[in-house]
PDB file of N, CA and C in Angstrom:
ATOM      1  N   LEU A   1      78.449  50.185-106.061  1.00  0.00           N
ATOM      2  CA  LEU A   1      77.627  48.782-106.081  1.00  0.00           C
ATOM      3  C   LEU A   1      76.239  49.167-105.532  1.00  0.00           C
ATOM      4  N   LYS A   2      75.275  48.473-106.057  1.00  0.00           N
ATOM      5  CA  LYS A   2      73.958  48.419-105.600  1.00  0.00           C
ATOM      6  C   LYS A   2      73.578  47.128-105.127  1.00  0.00           C
ATOM      7  N   TYR A   3      72.603  47.164-104.214  1.00  0.00           N
ATOM      8  CA  TYR A   3      72.156  45.797-103.495  1.00  0.00           C
ATOM      9  C   TYR A   3      71.930  44.932-104.713  1.00  0.00           C
ATOM     10  N   GLY A   4      72.205  43.795-104.458  1.00  0.00           N
ATOM     11  CA  GLY A   4      71.967  42.782-105.563  1.00  0.00           C
ATOM     12  C   GLY A   4      73.046  42.511-106.746  1.00  0.00           C
ATOM     13  N   ASP A   5      74.169  43.488-106.612  1.00  0.00           N
ATOM     14  CA  ASP A   5      75.252  43.431-107.571  1.00  0.00           C
ATOM     15  C   ASP A   5      76.216  42.176-107.121  1.00  0.00           C
ATOM     16  N   LEU A   6      76.272  41.877-105.834  1.00  0.00           N
ATOM     17  CA  LEU A   6      77.188  40.888-105.406  1.00  0.00           C
ATOM     18  C   LEU A   6      76.418  39.488-105.307  1.00  0.00           C
ATOM     19  N   GLU A   7      77.225  38.403-105.508  1.00  0.00           N
ATOM     20  CA  GLU A   7      76.564  37.087-105.344  1.00  0.00           C
ATOM     21  C   GLU A   7      76.540  36.838-103.944  1.00  0.00           C
ATOM     22  N   PRO A   8      75.319  36.275-103.408  1.00  0.00           N
ATOM     23  CA  PRO A   8      75.333  35.970-102.014  1.00  0.00           C
ATOM     24  C   PRO A   8      76.247  34.732-101.749  1.00  0.00           C
ATOM     25  N   THR A   9      76.916  34.746-100.764  1.00  0.00           N
ATOM     26  CA  THR A   9      77.829  33.601-100.385  1.00  0.00           C
ATOM     27  C   THR A   9      77.378  33.005 -99.154  1.00  0.00           C
ATOM     28  N   ALA A  10      77.339  31.647 -99.063  1.00  0.00           N
ATOM     29  CA  ALA A  10      76.856  30.898 -97.908  1.00  0.00           C
ATOM     30  C   ALA A  10      78.014  31.018 -96.885  1.00  0.00           C
ATOM     31  N   PRO A  11      77.551  30.992 -95.706  1.00  0.00           N
ATOM     32  CA  PRO A  11      78.771  30.963 -94.603  1.00  0.00           C
ATOM     33  C   PRO A  11      79.489  29.604 -94.747  1.00  0.00           C
ATOM     34  N   LYS A  12      80.713  29.651 -94.508  1.00  0.00           N
ATOM     35  CA  LYS A  12      81.591  28.444 -94.736  1.00  0.00           C
ATOM     36  C   LYS A  12      81.595  27.761 -93.448  1.00  0.00           C
ATOM     37  N   LEU A  13      81.234  26.459 -93.434  1.00  0.00           N
ATOM     38  CA  LEU A  13      81.177  25.704 -92.167  1.00  0.00           C
ATOM     39  C   LEU A  13      82.600  24.925 -92.245  1.00  0.00           C
ATOM     40  N   ILE A  14      83.269  24.775 -90.981  1.00  0.00           N
ATOM     41  CA  ILE A  14      84.363  23.999 -90.957  1.00  0.00           C
ATOM     42  C   ILE A  14      83.956  22.553 -90.626  1.00  0.00           C
ATOM     43  N   GLU A  15      84.291  21.805 -91.523  1.00  0.00           N
ATOM     44  CA  GLU A  15      83.897  20.396 -91.413  1.00  0.00           C
ATOM     45  C   GLU A  15      84.661  19.722 -90.221  1.00  0.00           C
ATOM     46  N   GLN A  16      83.938  19.291 -89.177  1.00  0.00           N
ATOM     47  CA  GLN A  16      84.595  18.777 -88.090  1.00  0.00           C
ATOM     48  C   GLN A  16      84.656  17.139 -88.206  1.00  0.00           C
ATOM     49  N   GLU A  17      85.545  16.628 -88.030  1.00  0.00           N
ATOM     50  CA  GLU A  17      85.643  15.233 -88.161  1.00  0.00           C
ATOM     51  C   GLU A  17      84.976  14.568 -86.904  1.00  0.00           C
ATOM     52  N   THR A  18      84.127  13.580 -87.124  1.00  0.00           N
ATOM     53  CA  THR A  18      83.659  12.800 -86.045  1.00  0.00           C
ATOM     54  C   THR A  18      84.083  11.505 -85.769  1.00  0.00           C
ATOM     55  N   TYR A  19      84.267  10.941 -84.866  1.00  0.00           N
ATOM     56  CA  TYR A  19      84.758   9.658 -84.780  1.00  0.00           C
ATOM     57  C   TYR A  19      83.759   8.723 -83.834  1.00  0.00           C
ATOM     58  N   THR A  20      83.936   7.517 -84.027  1.00  0.00           N
ATOM     59  CA  THR A  20      83.058   6.700 -83.255  1.00  0.00           C
ATOM     60  C   THR A  20      83.955   5.588 -82.502  1.00  0.00           C
ATOM     61  N   VAL A  21      83.481   5.499 -81.155  1.00  0.00           N
ATOM     62  CA  VAL A  21      84.417   4.377 -80.451  1.00  0.00           C
ATOM     63  C   VAL A  21      83.448   3.307 -80.358  1.00  0.00           C
ATOM     64  N   GLY A  22      84.015   2.135 -80.804  1.00  0.00           N
ATOM     65  CA  GLY A  22      82.918   1.012 -80.954  1.00  0.00           C
ATOM     66  C   GLY A  22      83.800  -0.308 -80.710  1.00  0.00           C
ATOM     67  N   VAL A  23      83.201  -1.355 -81.369  1.00  0.00           N
ATOM     68  CA  VAL A  23      83.710  -2.657 -81.211  1.00  0.00           C
ATOM     69  C   VAL A  23      84.117  -3.211 -82.515  1.00  0.00           C
ATOM     70  N   TRP A  24      85.223  -3.949 -82.761  1.00  0.00           N
ATOM     71  CA  TRP A  24      85.731  -4.678 -83.772  1.00  0.00           C
ATOM     72  C   TRP A  24      86.314  -6.003 -83.354  1.00  0.00           C
ATOM     73  N   GLU A  25      85.670  -7.100 -83.669  1.00  0.00           N
ATOM     74  CA  GLU A  25      86.168  -8.432 -83.329  1.00  0.00           C
ATOM     75  C   GLU A  25      86.400  -8.450 -81.942  1.00  0.00           C
ATOM     76  N   GLY A  26      85.523  -7.905 -81.107  1.00  0.00           N
ATOM     77  CA  GLY A  26      85.478  -8.163 -79.635  1.00  0.00           C
ATOM     78  C   GLY A  26      86.364  -7.089 -79.087  1.00  0.00           C
ATOM     79  N   LYS A  27      87.126  -6.319 -79.760  1.00  0.00           N
ATOM     80  CA  LYS A  27      88.033  -5.312 -78.999  1.00  0.00           C
ATOM     81  C   LYS A  27      87.547  -3.788 -79.235  1.00  0.00           C
ATOM     82  N   LEU A  28      88.008  -3.020 -78.346  1.00  0.00           N
ATOM     83  CA  LEU A  28      87.810  -1.627 -78.513  1.00  0.00           C
ATOM     84  C   LEU A  28      88.404  -1.139 -79.813  1.00  0.00           C
ATOM     85  N   ALA A  29      87.648  -0.322 -80.433  1.00  0.00           N
ATOM     86  CA  ALA A  29      87.987   0.198 -81.840  1.00  0.00           C
ATOM     87  C   ALA A  29      87.557   1.596 -82.183  1.00  0.00           C
ATOM     88  N   LEU A  30      88.296   2.263 -82.938  1.00  0.00           N
ATOM     89  CA  LEU A  30      88.060   3.673 -83.324  1.00  0.00           C
ATOM     90  C   LEU A  30      87.795   3.758 -84.803  1.00  0.00           C
ATOM     91  N   PHE A  31      86.679   4.336 -85.069  1.00  0.00           N
ATOM     92  CA  PHE A  31      86.204   4.530 -86.455  1.00  0.00           C
ATOM     93  C   PHE A  31      86.159   6.015 -86.837  1.00  0.00           C
ATOM     94  N   GLU A  32      86.477   6.283 -88.176  1.00  0.00           N
ATOM     95  CA  GLU A  32      86.298   7.638 -88.519  1.00  0.00           C
ATOM     96  C   GLU A  32      84.861   7.762 -89.132  1.00  0.00           C
ATOM     97  N   SER A  33      84.250   8.833 -88.774  1.00  0.00           N
ATOM     98  CA  SER A  33      82.910   9.253 -89.309  1.00  0.00           C
ATOM     99  C   SER A  33      82.082   7.903 -89.391  1.00  0.00           C
ATOM    100  N   SER A  34      81.632   7.483 -90.587  1.00  0.00           N
ATOM    101  CA  SER A  34      80.825   6.328 -90.702  1.00  0.00           C
ATOM    102  C   SER A  34      81.421   5.225 -91.417  1.00  0.00           C
ATOM    103  N   ALA A  35      82.831   5.107 -91.066  1.00  0.00           N
ATOM    104  CA  ALA A  35      83.580   4.189 -91.904  1.00  0.00           C
ATOM    105  C   ALA A  35      83.236   2.708 -91.361  1.00  0.00           C
ATOM    106  N   GLU A  36      83.375   1.818 -92.318  1.00  0.00           N
ATOM    107  CA  GLU A  36      83.105   0.263 -92.085  1.00  0.00           C
ATOM    108  C   GLU A  36      84.242  -0.282 -91.281  1.00  0.00           C
ATOM    109  N   PHE A  37      85.404   0.065 -91.442  1.00  0.00           N
ATOM    110  CA  PHE A  37      86.461  -0.602 -90.826  1.00  0.00           C
ATOM    111  C   PHE A  37      87.097   0.523 -89.866  1.00  0.00           C
ATOM    112  N   PRO A  38      87.771  -0.154 -88.746  1.00  0.00           N
ATOM    113  CA  PRO A  38      88.355   0.939 -87.672  1.00  0.00           C
ATOM    114  C   PRO A  38      89.603   1.334 -88.413  1.00  0.00           C
ATOM    115  N   VAL A  39      89.996   2.635 -87.868  1.00  0.00           N
ATOM    116  CA  VAL A  39      91.411   3.286 -88.025  1.00  0.00           C
ATOM    117  C   VAL A  39      92.418   2.880 -87.004  1.00  0.00           C
ATOM    118  N   LYS A  40      91.823   2.440 -85.974  1.00  0.00           N
ATOM    119  CA  LYS A  40      92.734   1.959 -84.801  1.00  0.00           C
ATOM    120  C   LYS A  40      92.029   0.946 -83.807  1.00  0.00           C
ATOM    121  N   LEU A  41      92.795  -0.032 -83.571  1.00  0.00           N
ATOM    122  CA  LEU A  41      92.218  -1.048 -82.766  1.00  0.00           C
ATOM    123  C   LEU A  41      93.120  -1.107 -81.434  1.00  0.00           C
ATOM    124  N   TYR A  42      92.453  -1.233 -80.241  1.00  0.00           N
ATOM    125  CA  TYR A  42      93.039  -1.241 -79.030  1.00  0.00           C
ATOM    126  C   TYR A  42      93.042  -2.631 -78.468  1.00  0.00           C
ATOM    127  N   ASP A  43      94.161  -3.041 -77.594  1.00  0.00           N
ATOM    128  CA  ASP A  43      94.204  -4.133 -77.057  1.00  0.00           C
ATOM    129  C   ASP A  43      93.172  -4.307 -75.877  1.00  0.00           C
ATOM    130  N   VAL A  44      91.943  -4.073 -75.920  1.00  0.00           N
ATOM    131  CA  VAL A  44      91.117  -3.928 -74.755  1.00  0.00           C
ATOM    132  C   VAL A  44      89.887  -4.921 -75.162  1.00  0.00           C
ATOM    133  N   ALA A  45      89.852  -6.044 -74.459  1.00  0.00           N
ATOM    134  CA  ALA A  45      88.690  -6.960 -74.926  1.00  0.00           C
ATOM    135  C   ALA A  45      87.447  -6.343 -74.224  1.00  0.00           C
ATOM    136  N   ILE A  46      86.447  -6.177 -74.951  1.00  0.00           N
ATOM    137  CA  ILE A  46      85.168  -5.511 -74.168  1.00  0.00           C
ATOM    138  C   ILE A  46      84.546  -6.286 -73.149  1.00  0.00           C
ATOM    139  N   THR A  47      84.768  -7.647 -73.260  1.00  0.00           N
ATOM    140  CA  THR A  47      84.280  -8.494 -72.232  1.00  0.00           C
ATOM    141  C   THR A  47      84.941  -8.249 -70.860  1.00  0.00           C
ATOM    142  N   SER A  48      86.021  -7.398 -70.817  1.00  0.00           N
ATOM    143  CA  SER A  48      86.609  -7.129 -69.571  1.00  0.00           C
ATOM    144  C   SER A  48      85.940  -5.727 -68.985  1.00  0.00           C
ATOM    145  N   LEU A  49      84.924  -5.157 -69.768  1.00  0.00           N
ATOM    146  CA  LEU A  49      84.309  -4.148 -69.214  1.00  0.00           C
ATOM    147  C   LEU A  49      82.829  -4.448 -68.660  1.00  0.00           C
ATOM    148  N   PRO A  50      82.418  -3.552 -67.827  1.00  0.00           N
ATOM    149  CA  PRO A  50      81.134  -3.660 -67.266  1.00  0.00           C
ATOM    150  C   PRO A  50      79.995  -3.769 -68.319  1.00  0.00           C
ATOM    151  N   PRO A  51      78.856  -4.639 -68.144  1.00  0.00           N
ATOM    152  CA  PRO A  51      77.850  -4.802 -69.140  1.00  0.00           C
ATOM    153  C   PRO A  51      77.332  -3.501 -69.776  1.00  0.00           C
ATOM    154  N   GLU A  52      77.044  -2.443 -68.969  1.00  0.00           N
ATOM    155  CA  GLU A  52      76.558  -1.184 -69.505  1.00  0.00           C
ATOM    156  C   GLU A  52      77.588  -0.622 -70.530  1.00  0.00           C
ATOM    157  N   GLU A  53      78.846  -0.640 -70.196  1.00  0.00           N
ATOM    158  CA  GLU A  53      79.791   0.015 -71.119  1.00  0.00           C
ATOM    159  C   GLU A  53      79.882  -0.896 -72.468  1.00  0.00           C
ATOM    160  N   GLN A  54      79.756  -2.254 -72.233  1.00  0.00           N
ATOM    161  CA  GLN A  54      79.938  -3.071 -73.374  1.00  0.00           C
ATOM    162  C   GLN A  54      78.694  -2.778 -74.392  1.00  0.00           C
ATOM    163  N   GLN A  55      77.502  -2.519 -73.812  1.00  0.00           N
ATOM    164  CA  GLN A  55      76.275  -2.109 -74.650  1.00  0.00           C
ATOM    165  C   GLN A  55      76.559  -0.785 -75.241  1.00  0.00           C
ATOM    166  N   ARG A  56      77.174   0.197 -74.638  1.00  0.00           N
ATOM    167  CA  ARG A  56      77.312   1.592 -75.138  1.00  0.00           C
ATOM    168  C   ARG A  56      78.347   1.490 -76.237  1.00  0.00           C
ATOM    169  N   LEU A  57      79.293   0.496 -76.157  1.00  0.00           N
ATOM    170  CA  LEU A  57      80.308   0.391 -77.186  1.00  0.00           C
ATOM    171  C   LEU A  57      79.796  -0.430 -78.470  1.00  0.00           C
ATOM    172  N   ARG A  58      78.871  -1.303 -78.204  1.00  0.00           N
ATOM    173  CA  ARG A  58      78.242  -2.114 -79.293  1.00  0.00           C
ATOM    174  C   ARG A  58      77.304  -1.096 -80.045  1.00  0.00           C
ATOM    175  N   THR A  59      76.878  -0.251 -79.401  1.00  0.00           N
ATOM    176  CA  THR A  59      75.956   0.863 -80.077  1.00  0.00           C
ATOM    177  C   THR A  59      76.819   1.900 -80.898  1.00  0.00           C
ATOM    178  N   GLY A  60      77.995   2.121 -80.261  1.00  0.00           N
ATOM    179  CA  GLY A  60      78.923   3.114 -80.916  1.00  0.00           C
ATOM    180  C   GLY A  60      78.681   4.576 -80.037  1.00  0.00           C
ATOM    181  N   ILE A  61      79.764   4.961 -79.600  1.00  0.00           N
ATOM    182  CA  ILE A  61      80.135   6.307 -78.922  1.00  0.00           C
ATOM    183  C   ILE A  61      80.470   7.433 -79.832  1.00  0.00           C
ATOM    184  N   THR A  62      79.834   8.284 -80.184  1.00  0.00           N
ATOM    185  CA  THR A  62      80.118   9.420 -81.095  1.00  0.00           C
ATOM    186  C   THR A  62      80.861  10.437 -80.410  1.00  0.00           C
ATOM    187  N   VAL A  63      82.012  10.689 -81.000  1.00  0.00           N
ATOM    188  CA  VAL A  63      82.910  11.705 -80.279  1.00  0.00           C
ATOM    189  C   VAL A  63      83.031  12.847 -81.325  1.00  0.00           C
ATOM    190  N   ARG A  64      83.118  13.936 -80.797  1.00  0.00           N
ATOM    191  CA  ARG A  64      83.098  15.294 -81.715  1.00  0.00           C
ATOM    192  C   ARG A  64      84.430  16.046 -81.580  1.00  0.00           C
ATOM    193  N   SER A  65      85.202  15.797 -80.508  1.00  0.00           N
ATOM    194  CA  SER A  65      86.513  16.604 -80.483  1.00  0.00           C
ATOM    195  C   SER A  65      87.529  15.566 -80.017  1.00  0.00           C
ATOM    196  N   ASP A  66      88.846  16.155 -80.187  1.00  0.00           N
ATOM    197  CA  ASP A  66      90.009  15.432 -79.932  1.00  0.00           C
ATOM    198  C   ASP A  66      90.080  15.176 -78.386  1.00  0.00           C
ATOM    199  N   GLY A  67      89.891  16.314 -77.618  1.00  0.00           N
ATOM    200  CA  GLY A  67      89.771  16.114 -76.214  1.00  0.00           C
ATOM    201  C   GLY A  67      88.812  15.111 -75.572  1.00  0.00           C
ATOM    202  N   GLU A  68      87.571  15.133 -76.154  1.00  0.00           N
ATOM    203  CA  GLU A  68      86.653  14.132 -75.786  1.00  0.00           C
ATOM    204  C   GLU A  68      87.109  12.748 -76.018  1.00  0.00           C
ATOM    205  N   LEU A  69      87.722  12.535 -77.212  1.00  0.00           N
ATOM    206  CA  LEU A  69      88.190  11.283 -77.710  1.00  0.00           C
ATOM    207  C   LEU A  69      89.304  10.793 -76.599  1.00  0.00           C
ATOM    208  N   GLU A  70      90.238  11.790 -76.486  1.00  0.00           N
ATOM    209  CA  GLU A  70      91.373  11.334 -75.563  1.00  0.00           C
ATOM    210  C   GLU A  70      90.818  10.939 -74.066  1.00  0.00           C
ATOM    211  N   MET A  71      89.838  11.613 -73.561  1.00  0.00           N
ATOM    212  CA  MET A  71      89.347  11.276 -72.367  1.00  0.00           C
ATOM    213  C   MET A  71      88.689   9.961 -72.282  1.00  0.00           C
ATOM    214  N   LEU A  72      87.931   9.595 -73.427  1.00  0.00           N
ATOM    215  CA  LEU A  72      87.109   8.493 -73.375  1.00  0.00           C
ATOM    216  C   LEU A  72      87.991   7.388 -73.576  1.00  0.00           C
ATOM    217  N   LEU A  73      89.053   7.405 -74.452  1.00  0.00           N
ATOM    218  CA  LEU A  73      90.037   6.441 -74.698  1.00  0.00           C
ATOM    219  C   LEU A  73      90.847   6.029 -73.381  1.00  0.00           C
ATOM    220  N   GLU A  74      91.177   7.099 -72.580  1.00  0.00           N
ATOM    221  CA  GLU A  74      91.866   6.995 -71.424  1.00  0.00           C
ATOM    222  C   GLU A  74      91.120   6.110 -70.378  1.00  0.00           C
ATOM    223  N   ASP A  75      89.939   6.468 -70.363  1.00  0.00           N
ATOM    224  CA  ASP A  75      89.016   5.737 -69.469  1.00  0.00           C
ATOM    225  C   ASP A  75      88.893   4.225 -69.729  1.00  0.00           C
ATOM    226  N   TYR A  76      88.863   3.837 -70.981  1.00  0.00           N
ATOM    227  CA  TYR A  76      88.779   2.532 -71.466  1.00  0.00           C
ATOM    228  C   TYR A  76      90.213   1.747 -71.422  1.00  0.00           C
ATOM    229  N   THR A  77      91.089   2.466 -71.687  1.00  0.00           N
ATOM    230  CA  THR A  77      92.540   1.797 -71.978  1.00  0.00           C
ATOM    231  C   THR A  77      93.543   1.925 -70.597  1.00  0.00           C
ATOM    232  N   SER A  78      93.018   2.558 -69.462  1.00  0.00           N
ATOM    233  CA  SER A  78      93.868   2.565 -68.285  1.00  0.00           C
ATOM    234  C   SER A  78      93.385   1.888 -67.181  1.00  0.00           C
TER     235      SER A  78
END
């Protein structure tokens, strides 16, 4: 084989699912990627949280790993 005989291949990136923890109808909600509707709704009224946390949730908190998601949800649901 000579240089140039092989097709160049782009490195394969593992697509990582991202989630957003936010608000749906006043409750804590989990959204996949940029989905319009939540995949899970939690029985946590955001009005029971401090104002700074309410604002963070209204903006949406992006989560990139299952561990990060688990810790964040534990903070809000316990």
